[in-house]
């Protein structure tokens, strides 16, 4: 079954959330990777808007879930994924954001047939680092970076599941083993109940890149590609103070330097800035330079095209007949 449609089978089907008819579930439960929320692709009744919907897991605290969704509205950056709609007070909890064709990272590895190429992992890492830098500059620790939180789209990743650790349990409450939290990408200090800090996002980033490169969030050091081994293992330090700073990560995740072009000499200039926009408002920073044509393997591009075509052809579910 294609990854774009898998996940709806064998689980309770949902016909609507808020004002949106549900077309299908985004995630495939068979991946074995915990997802902090249930995610659906939905469409407005007039057919004009398609959105990605999130609802809390059974038993989750709806107040904390909605509080994190509300805070995510303020996230900036081209690869962040802020909520644009949140359930009204008193309604069943949900949030939504505009839909773009995208695969969760676990589904992308399944489609590709294994770990992703080094170029893809580097581009993914640079975009996620830039996203975290912007959020940290806003005073926001993401506290939800994990393989399931990362969606791969043709123009770059989207980082979702903002505040998953905070929503799962209050500070001071152990979070290890809680539903929806992937243990390998949960920073040790948060697993024991500590308040999320930006250094925890660096740990979770390292685990997510390890997963992209090997299929495991806690691989053996030797399993990591040699060129990424140092940076990923540094992120995974159990000591928050020993983890690298974002600027160091951007330097380490940049493209591997090759021999200069004939005549280039020292005039090639400095690397692009960490995060910038061009005159048209499009991303023009260091990550954008890595996200050019070919950053995603062909099988993933094909799966994104299938997902888009399937949703274009999808019809809204017929509402149940009113009861007499």
Protein backbone atom coordinates (compact mmCIF):
# COMPACT_ATOMS: atom_id res chain seq x y z
CA UNK A 1 0.00 0.00 0.00
CA UNK A 2 1.45 3.46 -0.85
CA UNK A 3 2.69 5.41 2.14
CA UNK A 4 0.38 8.27 1.18
CA UNK A 5 -2.70 6.19 1.90
CA UNK A 6 -1.43 3.73 4.49
CA UNK A 7 -2.33 4.36 8.09
CA UNK A 8 -6.08 4.57 7.67
CA UNK A 9 -6.42 0.79 7.60
CA UNK A 10 -6.98 -1.07 10.84
CA UNK A 11 -7.73 2.08 12.87
CA UNK A 12 -10.99 3.76 13.75
CA UNK A 13 -12.01 5.99 10.89
CA UNK A 14 -12.88 9.62 11.52
CA UNK A 15 -15.37 11.38 9.25
CA UNK A 16 -14.95 15.00 10.34
CA UNK A 17 -12.94 17.26 12.64
CA UNK A 18 -14.14 20.78 13.31
CA UNK A 19 -15.40 22.22 10.03
CA UNK A 20 -13.36 19.78 7.92
CA UNK A 21 -14.26 16.47 6.34
CA UNK A 22 -11.48 13.94 6.88
CA UNK A 23 -10.08 12.45 3.69
CA UNK A 24 -7.49 10.14 5.25
CA UNK A 25 -4.98 9.72 8.03
CA UNK A 26 -1.45 10.96 7.41
CA UNK A 27 0.59 8.51 9.48
CA UNK A 28 1.12 4.78 9.10
CA UNK A 29 0.84 3.01 12.45
CA UNK A 30 2.85 0.11 11.00
CA UNK A 31 6.02 2.26 11.01
CA UNK A 32 6.41 1.64 14.73
CA UNK A 33 7.49 5.25 15.32
CA UNK A 34 5.34 7.02 17.94
CA UNK A 35 3.44 10.11 16.79
CA UNK A 36 2.49 12.69 19.45
CA UNK A 37 -0.92 13.34 17.89
CA UNK A 38 -3.27 11.85 15.34
CA UNK A 39 -2.97 13.64 12.02
CA UNK A 40 -5.48 13.74 9.22
CA UNK A 41 -5.75 15.39 5.84
CA UNK A 42 -9.07 17.21 5.66
CA UNK A 43 -11.03 19.43 3.31
CA UNK A 44 -13.54 22.20 3.82
CA UNK A 45 -17.16 21.57 2.88
CA UNK A 46 -16.90 23.86 -0.16
CA UNK A 47 -13.82 21.94 -1.36
CA UNK A 48 -11.68 25.08 -1.48
CA UNK A 49 -9.28 24.34 1.37
CA UNK A 50 -7.24 21.25 2.17
CA UNK A 51 -5.58 21.17 5.58
CA UNK A 52 -3.48 19.01 7.86
CA UNK A 53 -5.41 18.42 11.09
CA UNK A 54 -4.01 17.37 14.45
CA UNK A 55 -6.00 15.96 17.36
CA UNK A 56 -4.69 14.71 20.71
CA UNK A 57 -4.10 11.05 21.42
CA UNK A 58 -6.69 9.27 23.57
CA UNK A 59 -6.11 10.15 27.20
CA UNK A 60 -4.01 13.23 26.45
CA UNK A 61 -4.70 16.49 28.27
CA UNK A 62 -6.75 18.65 25.86
CA UNK A 63 -5.83 21.88 27.63
CA UNK A 64 -2.08 21.38 27.26
CA UNK A 65 -2.57 20.18 23.67
CA UNK A 66 -4.48 23.34 22.72
CA UNK A 67 -2.08 25.61 24.62
CA UNK A 68 0.86 24.32 22.58
CA UNK A 69 -1.13 24.62 19.34
CA UNK A 70 -2.00 28.21 20.23
CA UNK A 71 1.64 29.08 20.94
CA UNK A 72 2.70 27.49 17.65
CA UNK A 73 0.73 30.16 15.80
CA UNK A 74 3.66 32.51 16.42
CA UNK A 75 6.36 30.30 14.92
CA UNK A 76 8.30 31.90 12.09
CA UNK A 77 10.52 30.54 9.35
CA UNK A 78 9.91 28.84 6.00
CA UNK A 79 10.12 25.30 7.41
CA UNK A 80 8.14 25.77 10.60
CA UNK A 81 4.55 24.58 10.61
CA UNK A 82 2.45 26.86 12.80
CA UNK A 83 -1.19 26.12 13.47
CA UNK A 84 -3.45 28.55 11.64
CA UNK A 85 -6.73 27.36 13.19
CA UNK A 86 -7.46 26.04 16.67
CA UNK A 87 -10.66 24.62 18.13
CA UNK A 88 -12.92 27.11 19.86
CA UNK A 89 -13.16 26.95 23.66
CA UNK A 90 -15.49 24.17 24.71
CA UNK A 91 -15.21 22.28 21.43
CA UNK A 92 -13.40 18.99 20.94
CA UNK A 93 -9.66 19.82 20.62
CA UNK A 94 -8.06 20.08 17.19
CA UNK A 95 -5.79 22.36 15.22
CA UNK A 96 -5.11 22.76 11.50
CA UNK A 97 -2.58 24.22 9.10
CA UNK A 98 -2.54 24.48 5.29
CA UNK A 99 -1.80 21.19 3.57
CA UNK A 100 1.19 20.66 1.31
CA UNK A 101 2.02 17.24 -0.17
CA UNK A 102 4.38 15.74 2.40
CA UNK A 103 5.51 12.43 3.86
CA UNK A 104 6.37 11.87 7.52
CA UNK A 105 10.04 10.97 7.80
CA UNK A 106 9.31 7.31 8.71
CA UNK A 107 7.12 6.96 5.61
CA UNK A 108 9.85 8.55 3.50
CA UNK A 109 12.37 5.93 4.63
CA UNK A 110 9.84 3.21 3.84
CA UNK A 111 9.23 4.59 0.35
CA UNK A 112 12.95 5.02 -0.29
CA UNK A 113 13.66 1.51 0.93
CA UNK A 114 16.03 2.44 3.73
CA UNK A 115 18.14 5.30 5.14
CA UNK A 116 18.29 8.52 3.17
CA UNK A 117 21.32 9.73 1.17
CA UNK A 118 23.83 11.92 2.94
CA UNK A 119 22.92 14.94 0.80
CA UNK A 120 19.29 14.62 1.90
CA UNK A 121 20.25 14.28 5.57
CA UNK A 122 22.50 17.34 5.39
CA UNK A 123 19.81 19.46 3.75
CA UNK A 124 17.21 18.24 6.21
CA UNK A 125 19.49 18.98 9.15
CA UNK A 126 20.35 22.49 7.96
CA UNK A 127 16.68 23.39 7.46
CA UNK A 128 15.72 22.03 10.88
CA UNK A 129 18.60 23.88 12.54
CA UNK A 130 17.54 27.15 10.94
CA UNK A 131 13.96 26.55 12.07
CA UNK A 132 15.09 25.92 15.64
CA UNK A 133 17.36 28.99 15.59
CA UNK A 134 14.40 31.18 14.68
CA UNK A 135 12.19 29.63 17.33
CA UNK A 136 14.88 29.91 20.00
CA UNK A 137 15.30 33.56 19.06
CA UNK A 138 11.59 33.97 19.79
CA UNK A 139 12.13 32.40 23.21
CA UNK A 140 10.47 29.13 22.18
CA UNK A 141 11.96 25.69 22.75
CA UNK A 142 10.29 23.34 20.29
CA UNK A 143 10.15 20.33 22.65
CA UNK A 144 8.75 18.03 19.99
CA UNK A 145 11.49 17.28 17.46
CA UNK A 146 11.34 13.60 16.49
CA UNK A 147 11.21 11.52 13.30
CA UNK A 148 7.40 11.70 13.21
CA UNK A 149 7.47 15.48 13.66
CA UNK A 150 9.39 15.95 10.40
CA UNK A 151 7.43 16.03 7.15
CA UNK A 152 9.29 15.97 3.84
CA UNK A 153 7.87 18.14 1.06
CA UNK A 154 9.35 18.85 -2.34
CA UNK A 155 10.50 22.36 -1.35
CA UNK A 156 11.90 21.38 2.04
CA UNK A 157 10.88 19.85 5.37
CA UNK A 158 8.16 20.99 7.73
CA UNK A 159 8.71 20.71 11.48
CA UNK A 160 5.47 19.86 13.27
CA UNK A 161 4.41 18.60 16.73
CA UNK A 162 5.45 21.77 18.54
CA UNK A 163 5.42 21.32 22.31
CA UNK A 164 4.78 17.56 22.26
CA UNK A 165 6.83 16.94 25.42
CA UNK A 166 5.14 19.78 27.31
CA UNK A 167 1.71 18.58 26.18
CA UNK A 168 2.46 15.00 27.23
CA UNK A 169 3.19 15.88 30.87
CA UNK A 170 3.79 18.87 33.08
CA UNK A 171 7.33 19.78 34.07
CA UNK A 172 8.39 17.71 37.03
CA UNK A 173 6.52 14.63 35.79
CA UNK A 174 8.61 11.86 34.18
CA UNK A 175 7.87 11.61 30.46
CA UNK A 176 9.76 8.45 29.61
CA UNK A 177 7.42 5.87 28.07
CA UNK A 178 4.46 8.21 27.65
CA UNK A 179 2.29 7.63 24.56
CA UNK A 180 3.38 9.54 21.47
CA UNK A 181 6.91 10.32 22.64
CA UNK A 182 9.70 8.50 20.81
CA UNK A 183 12.16 7.47 23.51
CA UNK A 184 15.30 7.79 21.42
CA UNK A 185 14.65 11.41 20.52
CA UNK A 186 13.43 12.48 23.97
CA UNK A 187 16.30 14.34 25.68
CA UNK A 188 17.35 12.63 28.94
CA UNK A 189 16.63 15.75 30.98
CA UNK A 190 13.08 15.93 29.59
CA UNK A 191 12.52 12.19 30.04
CA UNK A 192 12.98 12.65 33.79
CA UNK A 193 10.59 15.61 33.89
CA UNK A 194 12.88 18.56 33.30
CA UNK A 195 11.64 21.74 31.67
CA UNK A 196 12.37 21.77 27.93
CA UNK A 197 15.23 24.05 26.86
CA UNK A 198 16.83 24.77 23.47
CA UNK A 199 19.68 22.37 24.22
CA UNK A 200 17.09 19.59 24.35
CA UNK A 201 16.05 20.46 20.82
CA UNK A 202 19.66 19.91 19.74
CA UNK A 203 19.61 16.41 21.26
CA UNK A 204 16.32 15.59 19.55
CA UNK A 205 17.67 16.94 16.27
CA UNK A 206 20.67 14.61 16.52
CA UNK A 207 18.38 11.63 17.11
CA UNK A 208 16.18 12.61 14.17
CA UNK A 209 19.15 12.95 11.82
CA UNK A 210 20.47 9.62 13.09
CA UNK A 211 17.12 8.09 12.16
CA UNK A 212 17.20 9.66 8.70
CA UNK A 213 20.74 8.35 8.12
CA UNK A 214 20.40 4.86 9.64
CA UNK A 215 16.75 4.07 10.40
CA UNK A 216 17.43 4.25 14.17
CA UNK A 217 17.32 7.16 16.62
CA UNK A 218 20.02 5.60 18.81
CA UNK A 219 22.36 3.79 16.40
CA UNK A 220 25.82 2.61 17.21
CA UNK A 221 28.38 5.28 16.34
CA UNK A 222 29.85 3.08 13.61
CA UNK A 223 26.46 2.81 11.90
CA UNK A 224 26.40 6.54 11.16
CA UNK A 225 27.88 7.78 7.87
CA UNK A 226 31.47 8.78 8.56
CA UNK A 227 30.94 12.37 7.42
CA UNK A 228 28.02 12.86 9.84
CA UNK A 229 29.32 10.80 12.75
CA UNK A 230 30.94 13.61 14.72
CA UNK A 231 28.11 16.13 14.48
CA UNK A 232 25.33 13.65 15.26
CA UNK A 233 27.10 12.08 18.23
CA UNK A 234 27.88 15.55 19.60
CA UNK A 235 24.18 16.42 19.50
CA UNK A 236 23.41 13.21 21.40
CA UNK A 237 25.60 14.09 24.36
CA UNK A 238 23.77 13.38 27.61
CA UNK A 239 25.27 16.60 29.00
CA UNK A 240 23.24 19.53 27.63
CA UNK A 241 26.21 21.89 28.04
CA UNK A 242 28.34 19.69 25.77
CA UNK A 243 25.95 19.77 22.83
CA UNK A 244 26.95 21.97 19.86
CA UNK A 245 25.57 25.41 19.24
CA UNK A 246 23.33 25.92 16.19
CA UNK A 247 25.99 27.92 14.32
CA UNK A 248 28.38 25.02 14.71
CA UNK A 249 25.74 22.65 13.39
CA UNK A 250 25.17 24.75 10.29
CA UNK A 251 28.88 24.73 9.54
CA UNK A 252 29.06 20.96 10.05
CA UNK A 253 25.96 20.20 7.98
CA UNK A 254 26.93 22.35 5.04
CA UNK A 255 27.89 20.63 1.80
CA UNK A 256 31.20 18.83 1.79
CA UNK A 257 33.70 21.09 0.13
CA UNK A 258 35.09 19.86 -3.14
CA UNK A 259 38.01 21.21 -5.13
CA UNK A 260 37.45 24.80 -6.26
CA UNK A 261 36.32 25.41 -9.80
CA UNK A 262 39.07 26.48 -12.19
CA UNK A 263 39.81 30.14 -11.66
CA UNK A 264 37.62 30.39 -8.57
CA UNK A 265 40.54 30.87 -6.16
CA UNK A 266 39.62 32.63 -2.94
CA UNK A 267 36.98 34.78 -4.60
CA UNK A 268 34.17 32.32 -4.04
CA UNK A 269 33.07 34.32 -1.00
CA UNK A 270 31.69 33.27 2.39
CA UNK A 271 28.93 30.69 2.75
CA UNK A 272 25.35 31.96 2.62
CA UNK A 273 24.00 33.39 5.89
CA UNK A 274 22.23 31.03 8.24
CA UNK A 275 18.75 32.34 7.46
CA UNK A 276 17.82 35.03 4.96
CA UNK A 277 15.16 35.95 2.40
CA UNK A 278 15.67 37.09 -1.15
CA UNK A 279 13.96 40.11 -2.72
CA UNK A 280 10.83 38.05 -3.40
CA UNK A 281 10.62 36.85 0.19
CA UNK A 282 11.77 33.30 -0.57
CA UNK A 283 14.29 31.42 1.59
CA UNK A 284 17.85 32.27 0.59
CA UNK A 285 19.92 31.07 3.55
CA UNK A 286 22.34 28.21 3.90
CA UNK A 287 19.63 25.54 4.10
CA UNK A 288 17.92 26.86 1.00
CA UNK A 289 21.19 26.42 -0.88
CA UNK A 290 21.08 22.70 0.03
CA UNK A 291 17.41 22.21 -0.84
CA UNK A 292 17.82 22.57 -4.59
CA UNK A 293 16.80 20.11 -7.29
CA UNK A 294 17.70 16.56 -6.34
CA UNK A 295 17.68 17.04 -2.59
CA UNK A 296 15.01 14.34 -2.28
CA UNK A 297 15.43 10.87 -3.83
CA UNK A 298 13.27 10.09 -6.84
CA UNK A 299 11.06 7.54 -5.08
CA UNK A 300 10.03 10.10 -2.49
CA UNK A 301 9.27 12.70 -5.17
CA UNK A 302 7.12 10.10 -6.93
CA UNK A 303 5.27 9.32 -3.69
CA UNK A 304 4.58 13.03 -3.15
CA UNK A 305 3.19 13.28 -6.67
CA UNK A 306 0.93 10.27 -6.03
CA UNK A 307 -0.30 11.74 -2.78
CA UNK A 308 -1.13 15.03 -4.48
CA UNK A 309 -2.94 13.31 -7.36
CA UNK A 310 -4.94 11.07 -5.01
CA UNK A 311 -6.11 14.03 -2.95
CA UNK A 312 -7.05 16.02 -6.03
CA UNK A 313 -9.23 13.10 -7.08
CA UNK A 314 -10.68 12.50 -3.59
CA UNK A 315 -14.33 13.24 -2.99
CA UNK A 316 -15.77 14.47 0.27
CA UNK A 317 -17.40 11.79 2.43
CA UNK A 318 -21.18 11.71 2.23
CA UNK A 319 -22.58 12.97 5.56
CA UNK A 320 -24.85 10.54 7.42
CA UNK A 321 -28.57 10.89 6.86
CA UNK A 322 -30.38 12.76 9.64
CA UNK A 323 -32.15 10.60 12.19
CA UNK A 324 -35.92 10.90 12.47
